Amino acid sequence: MWRRSCDLAEAIGTHRPSYEQIRRLVHREREIHDLPGSIDVVADVLFRVQSPLHAMDELIERSLVRQTHREIAMRERGWRPQA
């Protein structure tokens, strides 16, 4: 991923990203992708594993966690080295 990013940066004429920055972005994207989705909670309610009220609380919590991860990722994506 880092090598591809460096090639792209050179192709468009910008600074090459640091290995550490690309590593952070990849880890953040994986964290967001690995968060359980709402379909898991819906299946639990359908199969009566948990109550609908508990499921709603869990969906809200998961939504807030996802939103926080997305905000952090957007800040990291917008990071630019200071000239």
N, C-alpha and C. Protein backbone atom coordinates (compact mmCIF):
# COMPACT_ATOMS: atom_id res chain seq x y z
N MET A 1 0.83 -1.18 0.00
CA MET A 1 0.00 0.00 0.00
C MET A 1 0.88 1.26 0.00
N TRP A 2 1.94 1.22 0.80
CA TRP A 2 2.82 2.39 0.88
C TRP A 2 3.51 2.63 -0.45
N ARG A 3 3.98 1.56 -1.09
CA ARG A 3 4.66 1.71 -2.38
C ARG A 3 3.71 2.27 -3.43
N ARG A 4 2.47 1.77 -3.43
CA ARG A 4 1.49 2.29 -4.38
C ARG A 4 1.20 3.76 -4.11
N SER A 5 1.12 4.12 -2.84
CA SER A 5 0.87 5.51 -2.47
C SER A 5 2.01 6.41 -2.93
N CYS A 6 3.23 5.93 -2.76
CA CYS A 6 4.39 6.71 -3.21
C CYS A 6 4.40 6.87 -4.72
N ASP A 7 4.08 5.80 -5.44
CA ASP A 7 4.01 5.87 -6.90
C ASP A 7 2.95 6.87 -7.34
N LEU A 8 1.79 6.83 -6.70
CA LEU A 8 0.72 7.75 -7.03
C LEU A 8 1.13 9.19 -6.73
N ALA A 9 1.75 9.41 -5.58
CA ALA A 9 2.18 10.75 -5.21
C ALA A 9 3.17 11.31 -6.23
N GLU A 10 4.09 10.48 -6.67
CA GLU A 10 5.06 10.92 -7.68
C GLU A 10 4.37 11.20 -9.01
N ALA A 11 3.37 10.38 -9.35
CA ALA A 11 2.67 10.56 -10.62
C ALA A 11 1.88 11.87 -10.65
N ILE A 12 1.32 12.27 -9.50
CA ILE A 12 0.54 13.51 -9.49
C ILE A 12 1.36 14.71 -9.01
N GLY A 13 2.62 14.47 -8.70
CA GLY A 13 3.52 15.56 -8.37
C GLY A 13 3.40 16.13 -6.96
N THR A 14 3.09 15.28 -5.99
CA THR A 14 3.01 15.74 -4.60
C THR A 14 4.07 15.04 -3.76
N HIS A 15 4.12 15.40 -2.49
CA HIS A 15 5.07 14.77 -1.57
C HIS A 15 4.69 13.32 -1.35
N ARG A 16 5.70 12.50 -1.17
CA ARG A 16 5.46 11.09 -0.86
C ARG A 16 5.02 10.97 0.59
N PRO A 17 4.00 10.15 0.87
CA PRO A 17 3.56 9.97 2.26
C PRO A 17 4.58 9.12 3.03
N SER A 18 4.61 9.32 4.34
CA SER A 18 5.50 8.51 5.16
C SER A 18 4.90 7.12 5.34
N TYR A 19 5.77 6.17 5.59
CA TYR A 19 5.32 4.80 5.83
C TYR A 19 4.39 4.76 7.04
N GLU A 20 4.76 5.50 8.09
CA GLU A 20 3.97 5.50 9.32
C GLU A 20 2.56 6.05 9.08
N GLN A 21 2.44 7.10 8.29
CA GLN A 21 1.12 7.68 8.02
C GLN A 21 0.23 6.70 7.26
N ILE A 22 0.78 6.05 6.26
CA ILE A 22 0.00 5.06 5.51
C ILE A 22 -0.39 3.90 6.41
N ARG A 23 0.53 3.48 7.26
CA ARG A 23 0.24 2.40 8.20
C ARG A 23 -0.93 2.76 9.11
N ARG A 24 -0.93 3.97 9.63
CA ARG A 24 -2.04 4.42 10.49
C ARG A 24 -3.36 4.43 9.75
N LEU A 25 -3.35 4.95 8.53
CA LEU A 25 -4.59 5.00 7.75
C LEU A 25 -5.12 3.61 7.45
N VAL A 26 -4.23 2.68 7.10
CA VAL A 26 -4.66 1.31 6.80
C VAL A 26 -5.25 0.66 8.05
N HIS A 27 -4.61 0.84 9.19
CA HIS A 27 -5.13 0.27 10.43
C HIS A 27 -6.49 0.86 10.78
N ARG A 28 -6.65 2.16 10.61
CA ARG A 28 -7.92 2.81 10.91
C ARG A 28 -9.02 2.28 10.00
N GLU A 29 -8.74 2.15 8.71
CA GLU A 29 -9.73 1.63 7.78
C GLU A 29 -10.13 0.19 8.14
N ARG A 30 -9.16 -0.60 8.55
CA ARG A 30 -9.46 -1.98 8.96
C ARG A 30 -10.33 -2.00 10.21
N GLU A 31 -10.05 -1.11 11.15
CA GLU A 31 -10.87 -1.03 12.36
C GLU A 31 -12.31 -0.69 12.02
N ILE A 32 -12.50 0.27 11.12
CA ILE A 32 -13.86 0.66 10.73
C ILE A 32 -14.55 -0.50 10.02
N HIS A 33 -13.83 -1.15 9.14
CA HIS A 33 -14.41 -2.26 8.39
C HIS A 33 -14.76 -3.44 9.30
N ASP A 34 -13.96 -3.68 10.34
CA ASP A 34 -14.16 -4.83 11.21
C ASP A 34 -15.23 -4.63 12.28
N LEU A 35 -15.75 -3.40 12.42
CA LEU A 35 -16.80 -3.18 13.40
C LEU A 35 -18.04 -3.97 13.00
N PRO A 36 -18.68 -4.62 13.96
CA PRO A 36 -19.88 -5.38 13.61
C PRO A 36 -20.97 -4.47 13.07
N GLY A 37 -21.70 -4.95 12.10
CA GLY A 37 -22.75 -4.16 11.48
C GLY A 37 -24.10 -4.33 12.16
N SER A 38 -25.06 -3.58 11.68
CA SER A 38 -26.39 -3.62 12.28
C SER A 38 -27.13 -4.92 11.95
N ILE A 39 -26.75 -5.60 10.88
CA ILE A 39 -27.43 -6.85 10.52
C ILE A 39 -27.26 -7.90 11.62
N ASP A 40 -26.12 -7.87 12.32
CA ASP A 40 -25.89 -8.81 13.42
C ASP A 40 -26.92 -8.60 14.53
N VAL A 41 -27.18 -7.34 14.83
CA VAL A 41 -28.13 -7.02 15.90
C VAL A 41 -29.55 -7.41 15.47
N VAL A 42 -29.89 -7.14 14.23
CA VAL A 42 -31.22 -7.51 13.72
C VAL A 42 -31.42 -9.02 13.80
N ALA A 43 -30.40 -9.77 13.43
CA ALA A 43 -30.49 -11.23 13.50
C ALA A 43 -30.68 -11.69 14.94
N ASP A 44 -29.98 -11.04 15.89
CA ASP A 44 -30.16 -11.40 17.30
C ASP A 44 -31.59 -11.19 17.76
N VAL A 45 -32.21 -10.10 17.32
CA VAL A 45 -33.60 -9.83 17.70
C VAL A 45 -34.53 -10.85 17.06
N LEU A 46 -34.31 -11.13 15.78
CA LEU A 46 -35.17 -12.09 15.09
C LEU A 46 -35.10 -13.48 15.71
N PHE A 47 -33.91 -13.87 16.14
CA PHE A 47 -33.75 -15.18 16.75
C PHE A 47 -33.91 -15.13 18.27
N ARG A 48 -34.37 -13.99 18.75
CA ARG A 48 -34.67 -13.77 20.17
C ARG A 48 -33.47 -14.01 21.09
N VAL A 49 -32.30 -13.63 20.61
CA VAL A 49 -31.09 -13.73 21.42
C VAL A 49 -31.04 -12.56 22.40
N GLN A 50 -31.57 -11.40 21.95
CA GLN A 50 -31.62 -10.24 22.83
C GLN A 50 -32.91 -9.47 22.59
N SER A 51 -33.27 -8.67 23.58
CA SER A 51 -34.52 -7.91 23.49
C SER A 51 -34.37 -6.76 22.49
N PRO A 52 -35.49 -6.32 21.91
CA PRO A 52 -35.43 -5.18 20.98
C PRO A 52 -34.87 -3.91 21.62
N LEU A 53 -35.18 -3.66 22.89
CA LEU A 53 -34.67 -2.46 23.56
C LEU A 53 -33.15 -2.52 23.70
N HIS A 54 -32.65 -3.69 24.09
CA HIS A 54 -31.20 -3.85 24.20
C HIS A 54 -30.55 -3.72 22.82
N ALA A 55 -31.21 -4.24 21.80
CA ALA A 55 -30.69 -4.16 20.44
C ALA A 55 -30.61 -2.71 19.98
N MET A 56 -31.61 -1.91 20.30
CA MET A 56 -31.58 -0.49 19.92
C MET A 56 -30.42 0.24 20.60
N ASP A 57 -30.24 -0.05 21.89
CA ASP A 57 -29.11 0.56 22.61
C ASP A 57 -27.79 0.18 21.95
N GLU A 58 -27.66 -1.08 21.57
CA GLU A 58 -26.43 -1.55 20.95
C GLU A 58 -26.22 -0.90 19.58
N LEU A 59 -27.30 -0.75 18.81
CA LEU A 59 -27.18 -0.10 17.50
C LEU A 59 -26.74 1.35 17.64
N ILE A 60 -27.29 2.04 18.63
CA ILE A 60 -26.90 3.43 18.86
C ILE A 60 -25.43 3.51 19.25
N GLU A 61 -25.02 2.62 20.15
CA GLU A 61 -23.62 2.60 20.58
C GLU A 61 -22.68 2.31 19.41
N ARG A 62 -23.03 1.33 18.61
CA ARG A 62 -22.20 0.99 17.45
C ARG A 62 -22.13 2.15 16.47
N SER A 63 -23.25 2.83 16.29
CA SER A 63 -23.28 3.98 15.40
C SER A 63 -22.34 5.08 15.89
N LEU A 64 -22.34 5.33 17.18
CA LEU A 64 -21.45 6.35 17.75
C LEU A 64 -19.98 5.96 17.60
N VAL A 65 -19.69 4.68 17.81
CA VAL A 65 -18.31 4.20 17.66
C VAL A 65 -17.86 4.36 16.21
N ARG A 66 -18.71 3.96 15.27
CA ARG A 66 -18.38 4.10 13.85
C ARG A 66 -18.16 5.57 13.48
N GLN A 67 -19.03 6.44 13.98
CA GLN A 67 -18.91 7.86 13.69
C GLN A 67 -17.58 8.40 14.22
N THR A 68 -17.20 8.01 15.43
CA THR A 68 -15.94 8.44 16.01
C THR A 68 -14.77 7.97 15.16
N HIS A 69 -14.79 6.71 14.75
CA HIS A 69 -13.71 6.17 13.91
C HIS A 69 -13.64 6.90 12.57
N ARG A 70 -14.80 7.19 11.99
CA ARG A 70 -14.81 7.91 10.72
C ARG A 70 -14.24 9.32 10.87
N GLU A 71 -14.60 10.01 11.95
CA GLU A 71 -14.09 11.36 12.17
C GLU A 71 -12.57 11.35 12.33
N ILE A 72 -12.05 10.37 13.07
CA ILE A 72 -10.60 10.26 13.24
C ILE A 72 -9.94 9.97 11.90
N ALA A 73 -10.54 9.08 11.12
CA ALA A 73 -9.98 8.75 9.81
C ALA A 73 -9.99 9.96 8.89
N MET A 74 -11.05 10.75 8.92
CA MET A 74 -11.11 11.93 8.07
C MET A 74 -10.05 12.96 8.47
N ARG A 75 -9.80 13.11 9.77
CA ARG A 75 -8.75 14.02 10.23
C ARG A 75 -7.38 13.51 9.76
N GLU A 76 -7.17 12.20 9.85
CA GLU A 76 -5.89 11.63 9.42
C GLU A 76 -5.72 11.73 7.91
N ARG A 77 -6.80 11.55 7.16
CA ARG A 77 -6.70 11.66 5.71
C ARG A 77 -6.38 13.08 5.29
N GLY A 78 -6.85 14.04 6.07
CA GLY A 78 -6.62 15.43 5.73
C GLY A 78 -5.27 15.96 6.21
N TRP A 79 -4.50 15.11 6.88
CA TRP A 79 -3.20 15.54 7.39
C TRP A 79 -2.26 15.87 6.24
N ARG A 80 -1.58 16.97 6.36
CA ARG A 80 -0.60 17.36 5.37
C ARG A 80 0.68 17.79 6.09
N PRO A 81 1.83 17.45 5.55
CA PRO A 81 3.07 17.90 6.17
C PRO A 81 3.17 19.41 6.08
N GLN A 82 3.71 20.01 7.11
CA GLN A 82 3.86 21.46 7.10
C GLN A 82 5.12 21.83 6.33
N ALA A 83 4.97 22.76 5.42
CA ALA A 83 6.11 23.15 4.57
C ALA A 83 7.01 24.12 5.27
